[in-house]
Amino acid sequence: MDYNIVYQRIISCKIFIFIDITAKIKEVRNITIIENEDLDKALKYYRDYKIKFTDFLIVSQIPEGLTLVSFDQDSKKIKEVNCKSPAEILISINSS
């Protein structure tokens, strides 16, 4: 997935903002990129919460105990996953 396209089209983000946000996210210690979808889990979440299925494919990859960082406010509706916005993460980083 081209994250630049996602940021620019979905949230109308300028390229310099995208670069800044991405650089700050990469500076966070212990960040891991996970690429293993769990289709059964995604389908269960989709049945339970009725939010976009593609969101659940992403959420299905999050191991228990980790935090999903997302601009999508619907992700916060999923009780099984700890979700924070990038702004919340930056605030917590800056306050420590």
N, C-alpha and C. Protein backbone atom coordinates (compact mmCIF):
# COMPACT_ATOMS: atom_id res chain seq x y z
N MET A 1 0.84 -1.17 0.00
CA MET A 1 0.00 0.00 0.00
C MET A 1 0.89 1.24 0.00
N ASP A 2 0.55 2.22 -0.82
CA ASP A 2 1.31 3.46 -0.86
C ASP A 2 0.72 4.42 0.17
N TYR A 3 1.40 4.53 1.32
CA TYR A 3 0.88 5.36 2.41
C TYR A 3 0.76 6.82 2.01
N ASN A 4 1.61 7.28 1.12
CA ASN A 4 1.51 8.65 0.65
C ASN A 4 0.16 8.90 0.00
N ILE A 5 -0.28 7.98 -0.85
CA ILE A 5 -1.58 8.12 -1.50
C ILE A 5 -2.70 8.09 -0.46
N VAL A 6 -2.60 7.19 0.50
CA VAL A 6 -3.61 7.12 1.56
C VAL A 6 -3.72 8.45 2.29
N TYR A 7 -2.59 8.97 2.76
CA TYR A 7 -2.61 10.24 3.49
C TYR A 7 -3.16 11.37 2.62
N GLN A 8 -2.72 11.46 1.38
CA GLN A 8 -3.13 12.58 0.54
C GLN A 8 -4.59 12.49 0.12
N ARG A 9 -5.05 11.32 -0.22
CA ARG A 9 -6.43 11.19 -0.71
C ARG A 9 -7.46 11.12 0.40
N ILE A 10 -7.18 10.34 1.43
CA ILE A 10 -8.18 10.14 2.47
C ILE A 10 -8.23 11.30 3.44
N ILE A 11 -7.10 11.79 3.87
CA ILE A 11 -7.13 12.87 4.85
C ILE A 11 -6.61 14.18 4.29
N SER A 12 -6.46 14.26 2.97
CA SER A 12 -6.03 15.49 2.30
C SER A 12 -4.77 16.07 2.92
N CYS A 13 -3.80 15.25 3.11
CA CYS A 13 -2.55 15.65 3.75
C CYS A 13 -1.53 16.05 2.69
N LYS A 14 -0.86 17.14 2.91
CA LYS A 14 0.20 17.59 2.00
C LYS A 14 1.43 16.69 2.18
N ILE A 15 2.26 16.60 1.14
CA ILE A 15 3.40 15.69 1.17
C ILE A 15 4.37 16.02 2.30
N PHE A 16 4.60 17.30 2.59
CA PHE A 16 5.55 17.63 3.66
C PHE A 16 5.00 17.21 5.02
N ILE A 17 3.68 17.26 5.18
CA ILE A 17 3.08 16.79 6.44
C ILE A 17 3.22 15.28 6.53
N PHE A 18 2.99 14.58 5.41
CA PHE A 18 3.14 13.13 5.38
C PHE A 18 4.56 12.73 5.78
N ILE A 19 5.56 13.41 5.22
CA ILE A 19 6.95 13.09 5.53
C ILE A 19 7.24 13.33 7.01
N ASP A 20 6.74 14.43 7.54
CA ASP A 20 6.96 14.76 8.95
C ASP A 20 6.30 13.72 9.87
N ILE A 21 5.06 13.38 9.57
CA ILE A 21 4.34 12.40 10.39
C ILE A 21 5.05 11.05 10.33
N THR A 22 5.42 10.62 9.12
CA THR A 22 6.08 9.33 8.95
C THR A 22 7.42 9.30 9.69
N ALA A 23 8.18 10.37 9.60
CA ALA A 23 9.47 10.43 10.30
C ALA A 23 9.28 10.33 11.81
N LYS A 24 8.26 11.01 12.34
CA LYS A 24 8.01 10.97 13.78
C LYS A 24 7.56 9.57 14.22
N ILE A 25 6.72 8.94 13.41
CA ILE A 25 6.27 7.59 13.74
C ILE A 25 7.46 6.63 13.75
N LYS A 26 8.37 6.76 12.78
CA LYS A 26 9.53 5.87 12.70
C LYS A 26 10.49 6.08 13.86
N GLU A 27 10.44 7.25 14.51
CA GLU A 27 11.31 7.52 15.65
C GLU A 27 10.84 6.83 16.93
N VAL A 28 9.58 6.40 16.94
CA VAL A 28 9.03 5.76 18.12
C VAL A 28 9.72 4.41 18.31
N ARG A 29 10.22 4.19 19.51
CA ARG A 29 10.90 2.93 19.79
C ARG A 29 9.91 1.78 19.80
N ASN A 30 10.39 0.63 19.43
CA ASN A 30 9.64 -0.63 19.47
C ASN A 30 8.46 -0.67 18.50
N ILE A 31 8.49 0.09 17.43
CA ILE A 31 7.45 -0.01 16.41
C ILE A 31 7.78 -1.20 15.53
N THR A 32 6.76 -2.00 15.22
CA THR A 32 6.93 -3.17 14.38
C THR A 32 5.90 -3.15 13.27
N ILE A 33 6.30 -3.41 12.05
CA ILE A 33 5.37 -3.52 10.94
C ILE A 33 4.92 -4.97 10.88
N ILE A 34 3.60 -5.17 10.92
CA ILE A 34 3.03 -6.52 10.95
C ILE A 34 2.25 -6.72 9.66
N GLU A 35 2.45 -7.86 8.99
CA GLU A 35 1.79 -8.09 7.71
C GLU A 35 1.08 -9.44 7.66
N ASN A 36 0.50 -9.88 8.73
CA ASN A 36 -0.18 -11.18 8.75
C ASN A 36 -1.65 -10.98 9.08
N GLU A 37 -2.50 -11.02 8.05
CA GLU A 37 -3.93 -10.88 8.29
C GLU A 37 -4.49 -12.17 8.87
N ASP A 38 -5.47 -12.04 9.73
CA ASP A 38 -6.19 -13.18 10.27
C ASP A 38 -7.63 -13.05 9.78
N LEU A 39 -7.94 -13.72 8.68
CA LEU A 39 -9.23 -13.56 8.03
C LEU A 39 -10.38 -13.94 8.95
N ASP A 40 -10.24 -15.03 9.71
CA ASP A 40 -11.31 -15.44 10.62
C ASP A 40 -11.59 -14.36 11.67
N LYS A 41 -10.53 -13.80 12.23
CA LYS A 41 -10.69 -12.74 13.22
C LYS A 41 -11.32 -11.50 12.57
N ALA A 42 -10.88 -11.16 11.37
CA ALA A 42 -11.42 -10.00 10.65
C ALA A 42 -12.92 -10.18 10.39
N LEU A 43 -13.31 -11.38 9.99
CA LEU A 43 -14.73 -11.65 9.75
C LEU A 43 -15.55 -11.58 11.04
N LYS A 44 -15.00 -12.08 12.13
CA LYS A 44 -15.69 -12.00 13.42
C LYS A 44 -15.90 -10.54 13.82
N TYR A 45 -14.85 -9.74 13.72
CA TYR A 45 -14.97 -8.31 14.05
C TYR A 45 -15.99 -7.64 13.14
N TYR A 46 -15.97 -8.00 11.86
CA TYR A 46 -16.90 -7.40 10.90
C TYR A 46 -18.35 -7.72 11.28
N ARG A 47 -18.59 -8.96 11.67
CA ARG A 47 -19.95 -9.34 12.12
C ARG A 47 -20.34 -8.59 13.38
N ASP A 48 -19.40 -8.46 14.32
CA ASP A 48 -19.69 -7.84 15.61
C ASP A 48 -19.85 -6.33 15.54
N TYR A 49 -19.05 -5.67 14.71
CA TYR A 49 -18.99 -4.20 14.76
C TYR A 49 -19.54 -3.49 13.53
N LYS A 50 -19.68 -4.18 12.40
CA LYS A 50 -20.23 -3.59 11.17
C LYS A 50 -19.49 -2.33 10.72
N ILE A 51 -18.18 -2.34 10.81
CA ILE A 51 -17.34 -1.26 10.31
C ILE A 51 -16.68 -1.78 9.03
N LYS A 52 -16.05 -0.93 8.25
CA LYS A 52 -15.45 -1.35 6.98
C LYS A 52 -14.57 -2.60 7.16
N PHE A 53 -14.78 -3.57 6.28
CA PHE A 53 -14.05 -4.84 6.38
C PHE A 53 -12.55 -4.64 6.27
N THR A 54 -12.12 -3.73 5.40
CA THR A 54 -10.68 -3.50 5.25
C THR A 54 -10.04 -3.04 6.55
N ASP A 55 -10.79 -2.31 7.37
CA ASP A 55 -10.28 -1.91 8.69
C ASP A 55 -10.00 -3.14 9.54
N PHE A 56 -10.88 -4.13 9.44
CA PHE A 56 -10.71 -5.33 10.26
C PHE A 56 -9.55 -6.19 9.79
N LEU A 57 -9.24 -6.15 8.50
CA LEU A 57 -8.05 -6.86 8.03
C LEU A 57 -6.80 -6.28 8.69
N ILE A 58 -6.79 -4.98 8.85
CA ILE A 58 -5.66 -4.33 9.54
C ILE A 58 -5.68 -4.70 11.02
N VAL A 59 -6.84 -4.56 11.65
CA VAL A 59 -6.97 -4.82 13.08
C VAL A 59 -6.65 -6.28 13.41
N SER A 60 -6.97 -7.19 12.50
CA SER A 60 -6.73 -8.61 12.76
C SER A 60 -5.25 -8.94 12.89
N GLN A 61 -4.39 -8.04 12.47
CA GLN A 61 -2.94 -8.27 12.52
C GLN A 61 -2.33 -7.88 13.85
N ILE A 62 -3.06 -7.17 14.69
CA ILE A 62 -2.50 -6.61 15.91
C ILE A 62 -2.46 -7.67 17.01
N PRO A 63 -1.27 -8.08 17.44
CA PRO A 63 -1.19 -9.04 18.54
C PRO A 63 -1.74 -8.42 19.84
N GLU A 64 -2.24 -9.27 20.69
CA GLU A 64 -2.78 -8.81 21.97
C GLU A 64 -1.72 -8.02 22.74
N GLY A 65 -2.14 -6.92 23.32
CA GLY A 65 -1.24 -6.11 24.13
C GLY A 65 -0.55 -4.98 23.39
N LEU A 66 -0.65 -4.96 22.05
CA LEU A 66 -0.04 -3.88 21.28
C LEU A 66 -1.08 -2.81 20.95
N THR A 67 -0.62 -1.63 20.58
CA THR A 67 -1.50 -0.51 20.27
C THR A 67 -1.52 -0.28 18.76
N LEU A 68 -2.72 -0.12 18.22
CA LEU A 68 -2.90 0.25 16.82
C LEU A 68 -2.91 1.77 16.74
N VAL A 69 -2.07 2.34 15.89
CA VAL A 69 -2.06 3.78 15.67
C VAL A 69 -2.79 4.04 14.36
N SER A 70 -3.88 4.81 14.44
CA SER A 70 -4.71 5.01 13.26
C SER A 70 -5.40 6.37 13.30
N PHE A 71 -5.56 6.97 12.13
CA PHE A 71 -6.36 8.19 12.00
C PHE A 71 -7.85 7.85 12.04
N ASP A 72 -8.20 6.61 11.75
CA ASP A 72 -9.59 6.18 11.64
C ASP A 72 -10.23 6.05 13.02
N GLN A 73 -11.21 6.88 13.29
CA GLN A 73 -11.88 6.87 14.59
C GLN A 73 -12.71 5.61 14.80
N ASP A 74 -13.13 4.94 13.72
CA ASP A 74 -13.90 3.70 13.86
C ASP A 74 -13.08 2.62 14.57
N SER A 75 -11.78 2.66 14.42
CA SER A 75 -10.92 1.65 15.06
C SER A 75 -11.07 1.67 16.57
N LYS A 76 -11.38 2.83 17.13
CA LYS A 76 -11.52 2.95 18.58
C LYS A 76 -12.77 2.23 19.10
N LYS A 77 -13.69 1.90 18.21
CA LYS A 77 -14.92 1.20 18.60
C LYS A 77 -14.67 -0.28 18.89
N ILE A 78 -13.55 -0.80 18.46
CA ILE A 78 -13.25 -2.22 18.60
C ILE A 78 -12.65 -2.46 19.98
N LYS A 79 -13.44 -3.09 20.85
CA LYS A 79 -13.04 -3.26 22.25
C LYS A 79 -11.80 -4.13 22.42
N GLU A 80 -11.59 -5.06 21.51
CA GLU A 80 -10.48 -6.01 21.65
C GLU A 80 -9.12 -5.40 21.34
N VAL A 81 -9.09 -4.19 20.80
CA VAL A 81 -7.83 -3.58 20.35
C VAL A 81 -7.65 -2.21 21.00
N ASN A 82 -6.44 -1.98 21.52
CA ASN A 82 -6.09 -0.66 22.03
C ASN A 82 -5.71 0.21 20.83
N CYS A 83 -6.45 1.28 20.59
CA CYS A 83 -6.21 2.13 19.43
C CYS A 83 -6.00 3.57 19.87
N LYS A 84 -5.00 4.21 19.28
CA LYS A 84 -4.72 5.62 19.56
C LYS A 84 -4.47 6.34 18.24
N SER A 85 -4.79 7.62 18.23
CA SER A 85 -4.51 8.43 17.04
C SER A 85 -3.03 8.81 17.05
N PRO A 86 -2.49 9.19 15.90
CA PRO A 86 -1.10 9.66 15.88
C PRO A 86 -0.89 10.85 16.83
N ALA A 87 -1.87 11.73 16.93
CA ALA A 87 -1.75 12.87 17.84
C ALA A 87 -1.61 12.40 19.29
N GLU A 88 -2.39 11.39 19.68
CA GLU A 88 -2.29 10.86 21.05
C GLU A 88 -0.92 10.25 21.30
N ILE A 89 -0.37 9.57 20.31
CA ILE A 89 0.97 8.99 20.45
C ILE A 89 2.01 10.09 20.59
N LEU A 90 1.92 11.12 19.74
CA LEU A 90 2.89 12.22 19.82
C LEU A 90 2.82 12.94 21.15
N ILE A 91 1.61 13.13 21.68
CA ILE A 91 1.45 13.77 22.99
C ILE A 91 2.12 12.92 24.06
N SER A 92 1.91 11.60 24.01
CA SER A 92 2.51 10.73 25.03
C SER A 92 4.03 10.70 24.91
N ILE A 93 4.55 10.79 23.69
CA ILE A 93 6.00 10.82 23.50
C ILE A 93 6.58 12.13 24.04
N ASN A 94 5.92 13.23 23.71
CA ASN A 94 6.41 14.54 24.13
C ASN A 94 6.29 14.78 25.62
N SER A 95 5.36 14.08 26.28
CA SER A 95 5.19 14.27 27.72
C SER A 95 6.12 13.39 28.54
N SER A 96 6.81 12.45 27.89
CA SER A 96 7.74 11.59 28.65
C SER A 96 9.15 12.08 28.62
